[in-house]
Amino acid sequence: MADKKAKKEASGPSKRDYYEIKGDKVERKRQHCPKCGPGTFLAAHKNRASCGRCGYTEFAKK
């Protein structure tokens, strides 16, 4: 019998980590992409924020 490959567990933040509930409102913790619209968040890097979907990048001001 052939050995079955082990399933790879998901790593990184889940969708619930991008939102915060304050009272009756839901607030986004991260900035959304201006090209793709709400629901597509920018990844926070050391010196920039970038969209993984369209490639939009904002560089941090020094």
PDB file of N, CA and C in Angstrom:
ATOM      1  N   MET A   1       0.822  -1.183   0.000  1.00  0.00           N
ATOM      2  CA  MET A   1       0.000   0.000   0.000  1.00  0.00           C
ATOM      3  C   MET A   1       0.866   1.246   0.000  1.00  0.00           C
ATOM      4  N   ALA A   2       0.416   2.223  -0.706  1.00  0.00           N
ATOM      5  CA  ALA A   2       1.151   3.486  -0.795  1.00  0.00           C
ATOM      6  C   ALA A   2       0.881   4.333   0.441  1.00  0.00           C
ATOM      7  N   ASP A   3       1.919   5.025   0.890  1.00  0.00           N
ATOM      8  CA  ASP A   3       1.754   5.925   2.035  1.00  0.00           C
ATOM      9  C   ASP A   3       1.000   7.166   1.587  1.00  0.00           C
ATOM     10  N   LYS A   4       0.085   7.586   2.420  1.00  0.00           N
ATOM     11  CA  LYS A   4      -0.658   8.806   2.107  1.00  0.00           C
ATOM     12  C   LYS A   4       0.123  10.002   2.618  1.00  0.00           C
ATOM     13  N   LYS A   5       0.136  11.051   1.817  1.00  0.00           N
ATOM     14  CA  LYS A   5       0.847  12.263   2.201  1.00  0.00           C
ATOM     15  C   LYS A   5       0.087  12.966   3.322  1.00  0.00           C
ATOM     16  N   ALA A   6       0.834  13.527   4.242  1.00  0.00           N
ATOM     17  CA  ALA A   6       0.223  14.282   5.334  1.00  0.00           C
ATOM     18  C   ALA A   6      -0.293  15.611   4.792  1.00  0.00           C
ATOM     19  N   LYS A   7      -1.454  16.020   5.300  1.00  0.00           N
ATOM     20  CA  LYS A   7      -2.017  17.288   4.862  1.00  0.00           C
ATOM     21  C   LYS A   7      -1.256  18.433   5.498  1.00  0.00           C
ATOM     22  N   LYS A   8      -1.042  19.470   4.732  1.00  0.00           N
ATOM     23  CA  LYS A   8      -0.330  20.640   5.207  1.00  0.00           C
ATOM     24  C   LYS A   8      -1.329  21.552   5.926  1.00  0.00           C
ATOM     25  N   GLU A   9      -0.997  21.942   7.144  1.00  0.00           N
ATOM     26  CA  GLU A   9      -1.869  22.816   7.900  1.00  0.00           C
ATOM     27  C   GLU A   9      -1.714  24.253   7.424  1.00  0.00           C
ATOM     28  N   ALA A  10      -2.805  24.995   7.486  1.00  0.00           N
ATOM     29  CA  ALA A  10      -2.788  26.387   7.068  1.00  0.00           C
ATOM     30  C   ALA A  10      -1.969  27.210   8.048  1.00  0.00           C
ATOM     31  N   SER A  11      -1.179  28.122   7.523  1.00  0.00           N
ATOM     32  CA  SER A  11      -0.402  29.002   8.379  1.00  0.00           C
ATOM     33  C   SER A  11      -0.753  30.441   8.054  1.00  0.00           C
ATOM     34  N   GLY A  12      -0.533  31.309   9.003  1.00  0.00           N
ATOM     35  CA  GLY A  12      -0.826  32.714   8.791  1.00  0.00           C
ATOM     36  C   GLY A  12      -2.159  33.089   9.396  1.00  0.00           C
ATOM     37  N   PRO A  13      -2.499  34.369   9.286  1.00  0.00           N
ATOM     38  CA  PRO A  13      -3.724  34.866   9.912  1.00  0.00           C
ATOM     39  C   PRO A  13      -4.980  34.392   9.177  1.00  0.00           C
ATOM     40  N   SER A  14      -6.055  34.233   9.925  1.00  0.00           N
ATOM     41  CA  SER A  14      -7.331  33.885   9.321  1.00  0.00           C
ATOM     42  C   SER A  14      -8.124  35.163   9.071  1.00  0.00           C
ATOM     43  N   LYS A  15      -9.255  35.064   8.410  1.00  0.00           N
ATOM     44  CA  LYS A  15     -10.052  36.240   8.068  1.00  0.00           C
ATOM     45  C   LYS A  15     -10.513  37.002   9.301  1.00  0.00           C
ATOM     46  N   ARG A  16     -10.785  36.286  10.382  1.00  0.00           N
ATOM     47  CA  ARG A  16     -11.275  36.957  11.586  1.00  0.00           C
ATOM     48  C   ARG A  16     -10.208  37.835  12.238  1.00  0.00           C
ATOM     49  N   ASP A  17      -8.948  37.635  11.903  1.00  0.00           N
ATOM     50  CA  ASP A  17      -7.877  38.462  12.452  1.00  0.00           C
ATOM     51  C   ASP A  17      -7.807  39.844  11.794  1.00  0.00           C
ATOM     52  N   TYR A  18      -8.526  40.047  10.697  1.00  0.00           N
ATOM     53  CA  TYR A  18      -8.504  41.319   9.990  1.00  0.00           C
ATOM     54  C   TYR A  18      -9.599  42.274  10.449  1.00  0.00           C
ATOM     55  N   TYR A  19     -10.508  41.804  11.306  1.00  0.00           N
ATOM     56  CA  TYR A  19     -11.638  42.611  11.752  1.00  0.00           C
ATOM     57  C   TYR A  19     -11.678  42.696  13.267  1.00  0.00           C
ATOM     58  N   GLU A  20     -12.299  43.767  13.775  1.00  0.00           N
ATOM     59  CA  GLU A  20     -12.473  43.951  15.212  1.00  0.00           C
ATOM     60  C   GLU A  20     -13.896  44.460  15.444  1.00  0.00           C
ATOM     61  N   ILE A  21     -14.575  43.913  16.436  1.00  0.00           N
ATOM     62  CA  ILE A  21     -15.940  44.325  16.743  1.00  0.00           C
ATOM     63  C   ILE A  21     -15.894  45.330  17.881  1.00  0.00           C
ATOM     64  N   LYS A  22     -16.436  46.518  17.620  1.00  0.00           N
ATOM     65  CA  LYS A  22     -16.524  47.569  18.635  1.00  0.00           C
ATOM     66  C   LYS A  22     -17.981  47.999  18.730  1.00  0.00           C
ATOM     67  N   GLY A  23     -18.634  47.563  19.795  1.00  0.00           N
ATOM     68  CA  GLY A  23     -20.052  47.890  19.974  1.00  0.00           C
ATOM     69  C   GLY A  23     -20.889  47.202  18.907  1.00  0.00           C
ATOM     70  N   ASP A  24     -21.607  47.998  18.134  1.00  0.00           N
ATOM     71  CA  ASP A  24     -22.463  47.464  17.063  1.00  0.00           C
ATOM     72  C   ASP A  24     -21.794  47.495  15.703  1.00  0.00           C
ATOM     73  N   LYS A  25     -20.553  47.979  15.650  1.00  0.00           N
ATOM     74  CA  LYS A  25     -19.874  48.142  14.364  1.00  0.00           C
ATOM     75  C   LYS A  25     -18.691  47.194  14.230  1.00  0.00           C
ATOM     76  N   VAL A  26     -18.388  46.853  12.991  1.00  0.00           N
ATOM     77  CA  VAL A  26     -17.223  46.034  12.675  1.00  0.00           C
ATOM     78  C   VAL A  26     -16.195  46.947  12.020  1.00  0.00           C
ATOM     79  N   GLU A  27     -14.978  46.970  12.564  1.00  0.00           N
ATOM     80  CA  GLU A  27     -13.921  47.817  12.014  1.00  0.00           C
ATOM     81  C   GLU A  27     -12.828  46.953  11.406  1.00  0.00           C
ATOM     82  N   ARG A  28     -12.267  47.441  10.303  1.00  0.00           N
ATOM     83  CA  ARG A  28     -11.162  46.736   9.659  1.00  0.00           C
ATOM     84  C   ARG A  28      -9.864  47.123  10.357  1.00  0.00           C
ATOM     85  N   LYS A  29      -9.013  46.153  10.609  1.00  0.00           N
ATOM     86  CA  LYS A  29      -7.732  46.434  11.251  1.00  0.00           C
ATOM     87  C   LYS A  29      -6.686  46.865  10.234  1.00  0.00           C
ATOM     88  N   ARG A  30      -6.790  46.352   9.030  1.00  0.00           N
ATOM     89  CA  ARG A  30      -5.806  46.668   7.991  1.00  0.00           C
ATOM     90  C   ARG A  30      -6.427  47.517   6.899  1.00  0.00           C
ATOM     91  N   GLN A  31      -5.557  48.141   6.137  1.00  0.00           N
ATOM     92  CA  GLN A  31      -5.964  49.007   5.043  1.00  0.00           C
ATOM     93  C   GLN A  31      -6.402  48.157   3.850  1.00  0.00           C
ATOM     94  N   HIS A  32      -7.443  48.586   3.140  1.00  0.00           N
ATOM     95  CA  HIS A  32      -7.863  47.839   1.957  1.00  0.00           C
ATOM     96  C   HIS A  32      -7.208  48.431   0.712  1.00  0.00           C
ATOM     97  N   CYS A  33      -7.176  47.637  -0.358  1.00  0.00           N
ATOM     98  CA  CYS A  33      -6.553  48.057  -1.607  1.00  0.00           C
ATOM     99  C   CYS A  33      -7.452  49.066  -2.320  1.00  0.00           C
ATOM    100  N   PRO A  34      -6.909  50.228  -2.727  1.00  0.00           N
ATOM    101  CA  PRO A  34      -7.733  51.212  -3.420  1.00  0.00           C
ATOM    102  C   PRO A  34      -8.148  50.773  -4.825  1.00  0.00           C
ATOM    103  N   LYS A  35      -7.400  49.879  -5.443  1.00  0.00           N
ATOM    104  CA  LYS A  35      -7.752  49.385  -6.780  1.00  0.00           C
ATOM    105  C   LYS A  35      -8.790  48.263  -6.723  1.00  0.00           C
ATOM    106  N   CYS A  36      -8.576  47.307  -5.834  1.00  0.00           N
ATOM    107  CA  CYS A  36      -9.450  46.131  -5.742  1.00  0.00           C
ATOM    108  C   CYS A  36     -10.702  46.392  -4.922  1.00  0.00           C
ATOM    109  N   GLY A  37     -10.643  47.330  -3.983  1.00  0.00           N
ATOM    110  CA  GLY A  37     -11.793  47.685  -3.174  1.00  0.00           C
ATOM    111  C   GLY A  37     -11.828  46.968  -1.839  1.00  0.00           C
ATOM    112  N   PRO A  38     -12.872  47.229  -1.044  1.00  0.00           N
ATOM    113  CA  PRO A  38     -12.996  46.611   0.272  1.00  0.00           C
ATOM    114  C   PRO A  38     -13.055  45.089   0.167  1.00  0.00           C
ATOM    115  N   GLY A  39     -12.414  44.423   1.103  1.00  0.00           N
ATOM    116  CA  GLY A  39     -12.371  42.966   1.096  1.00  0.00           C
ATOM    117  C   GLY A  39     -11.030  42.428   0.663  1.00  0.00           C
ATOM    118  N   THR A  40     -10.231  43.246   0.005  1.00  0.00           N
ATOM    119  CA  THR A  40      -8.873  42.862  -0.370  1.00  0.00           C
ATOM    120  C   THR A  40      -7.922  43.739   0.426  1.00  0.00           C
ATOM    121  N   PHE A  41      -7.214  43.137   1.364  1.00  0.00           N
ATOM    122  CA  PHE A  41      -6.364  43.888   2.271  1.00  0.00           C
ATOM    123  C   PHE A  41      -4.941  43.980   1.763  1.00  0.00           C
ATOM    124  N   LEU A  42      -4.256  45.044   2.180  1.00  0.00           N
ATOM    125  CA  LEU A  42      -2.848  45.223   1.854  1.00  0.00           C
ATOM    126  C   LEU A  42      -2.007  44.492   2.898  1.00  0.00           C
ATOM    127  N   ALA A  43      -1.010  43.778   2.449  1.00  0.00           N
ATOM    128  CA  ALA A  43      -0.094  43.080   3.343  1.00  0.00           C
ATOM    129  C   ALA A  43       0.866  44.100   3.935  1.00  0.00           C
ATOM    130  N   ALA A  44       1.071  44.029   5.242  1.00  0.00           N
ATOM    131  CA  ALA A  44       1.941  44.979   5.929  1.00  0.00           C
ATOM    132  C   ALA A  44       3.357  44.424   5.990  1.00  0.00           C
ATOM    133  N   HIS A  45       4.277  45.104   5.301  1.00  0.00           N
ATOM    134  CA  HIS A  45       5.683  44.740   5.325  1.00  0.00           C
ATOM    135  C   HIS A  45       6.442  45.791   6.119  1.00  0.00           C
ATOM    136  N   LYS A  46       7.750  45.629   6.225  1.00  0.00           N
ATOM    137  CA  LYS A  46       8.571  46.547   7.014  1.00  0.00           C
ATOM    138  C   LYS A  46       8.542  47.968   6.460  1.00  0.00           C
ATOM    139  N   ASN A  47       8.690  48.108   5.158  1.00  0.00           N
ATOM    140  CA  ASN A  47       8.783  49.438   4.560  1.00  0.00           C
ATOM    141  C   ASN A  47       7.710  49.712   3.505  1.00  0.00           C
ATOM    142  N   ARG A  48       6.708  48.866   3.426  1.00  0.00           N
ATOM    143  CA  ARG A  48       5.678  49.063   2.410  1.00  0.00           C
ATOM    144  C   ARG A  48       4.416  48.270   2.754  1.00  0.00           C
ATOM    145  N   ALA A  49       3.350  48.567   2.035  1.00  0.00           N
ATOM    146  CA  ALA A  49       2.104  47.813   2.101  1.00  0.00           C
ATOM    147  C   ALA A  49       1.769  47.423   0.672  1.00  0.00           C
ATOM    148  N   SER A  50       1.487  46.155   0.435  1.00  0.00           N
ATOM    149  CA  SER A  50       1.249  45.716  -0.936  1.00  0.00           C
ATOM    150  C   SER A  50       0.045  44.796  -1.030  1.00  0.00           C
ATOM    151  N   CYS A  51      -0.571  44.815  -2.211  1.00  0.00           N
ATOM    152  CA  CYS A  51      -1.723  43.972  -2.498  1.00  0.00           C
ATOM    153  C   CYS A  51      -1.227  42.722  -3.222  1.00  0.00           C
ATOM    154  N   GLY A  52      -1.623  41.568  -2.743  1.00  0.00           N
ATOM    155  CA  GLY A  52      -1.212  40.320  -3.363  1.00  0.00           C
ATOM    156  C   GLY A  52      -2.032  39.981  -4.591  1.00  0.00           C
ATOM    157  N   ARG A  53      -3.147  40.649  -4.762  1.00  0.00           N
ATOM    158  CA  ARG A  53      -4.033  40.362  -5.886  1.00  0.00           C
ATOM    159  C   ARG A  53      -3.634  41.130  -7.151  1.00  0.00           C
ATOM    160  N   CYS A  54      -3.437  42.460  -7.008  1.00  0.00           N
ATOM    161  CA  CYS A  54      -3.152  43.268  -8.204  1.00  0.00           C
ATOM    162  C   CYS A  54      -1.724  43.812  -8.234  1.00  0.00           C
ATOM    163  N   GLY A  55      -1.004  43.744  -7.105  1.00  0.00           N
ATOM    164  CA  GLY A  55       0.374  44.216  -7.075  1.00  0.00           C
ATOM    165  C   GLY A  55       0.535  45.666  -6.671  1.00  0.00           C
ATOM    166  N   TYR A  56      -0.542  46.330  -6.303  1.00  0.00           N
ATOM    167  CA  TYR A  56      -0.461  47.723  -5.844  1.00  0.00           C
ATOM    168  C   TYR A  56       0.438  47.809  -4.618  1.00  0.00           C
ATOM    169  N   THR A  57       1.315  48.827  -4.572  1.00  0.00           N
ATOM    170  CA  THR A  57       2.270  48.977  -3.473  1.00  0.00           C
ATOM    171  C   THR A  57       2.304  50.424  -3.007  1.00  0.00           C
ATOM    172  N   GLU A  58       2.277  50.598  -1.690  1.00  0.00           N
ATOM    173  CA  GLU A  58       2.464  51.913  -1.071  1.00  0.00           C
ATOM    174  C   GLU A  58       3.708  51.828  -0.216  1.00  0.00           C
ATOM    175  N   PHE A  59       4.658  52.708  -0.451  1.00  0.00           N
ATOM    176  CA  PHE A  59       5.889  52.720   0.338  1.00  0.00           C
ATOM    177  C   PHE A  59       5.716  53.632   1.536  1.00  0.00           C
ATOM    178  N   ALA A  60       6.290  53.242   2.671  1.00  0.00           N
ATOM    179  CA  ALA A  60       6.215  54.027   3.895  1.00  0.00           C
ATOM    180  C   ALA A  60       7.042  55.303   3.745  1.00  0.00           C
ATOM    181  N   LYS A  61       6.527  56.380   4.306  1.00  0.00           N
ATOM    182  CA  LYS A  61       7.261  57.650   4.265  1.00  0.00           C
ATOM    183  C   LYS A  61       8.301  57.651   5.373  1.00  0.00           C
ATOM    184  N   LYS A  62       9.459  58.189   5.066  1.00  0.00           N
ATOM    185  CA  LYS A  62      10.547  58.214   6.046  1.00  0.00           C
ATOM    186  C   LYS A  62      10.450  59.399   6.961  1.00  0.00           C
TER     187      LYS A  62
END
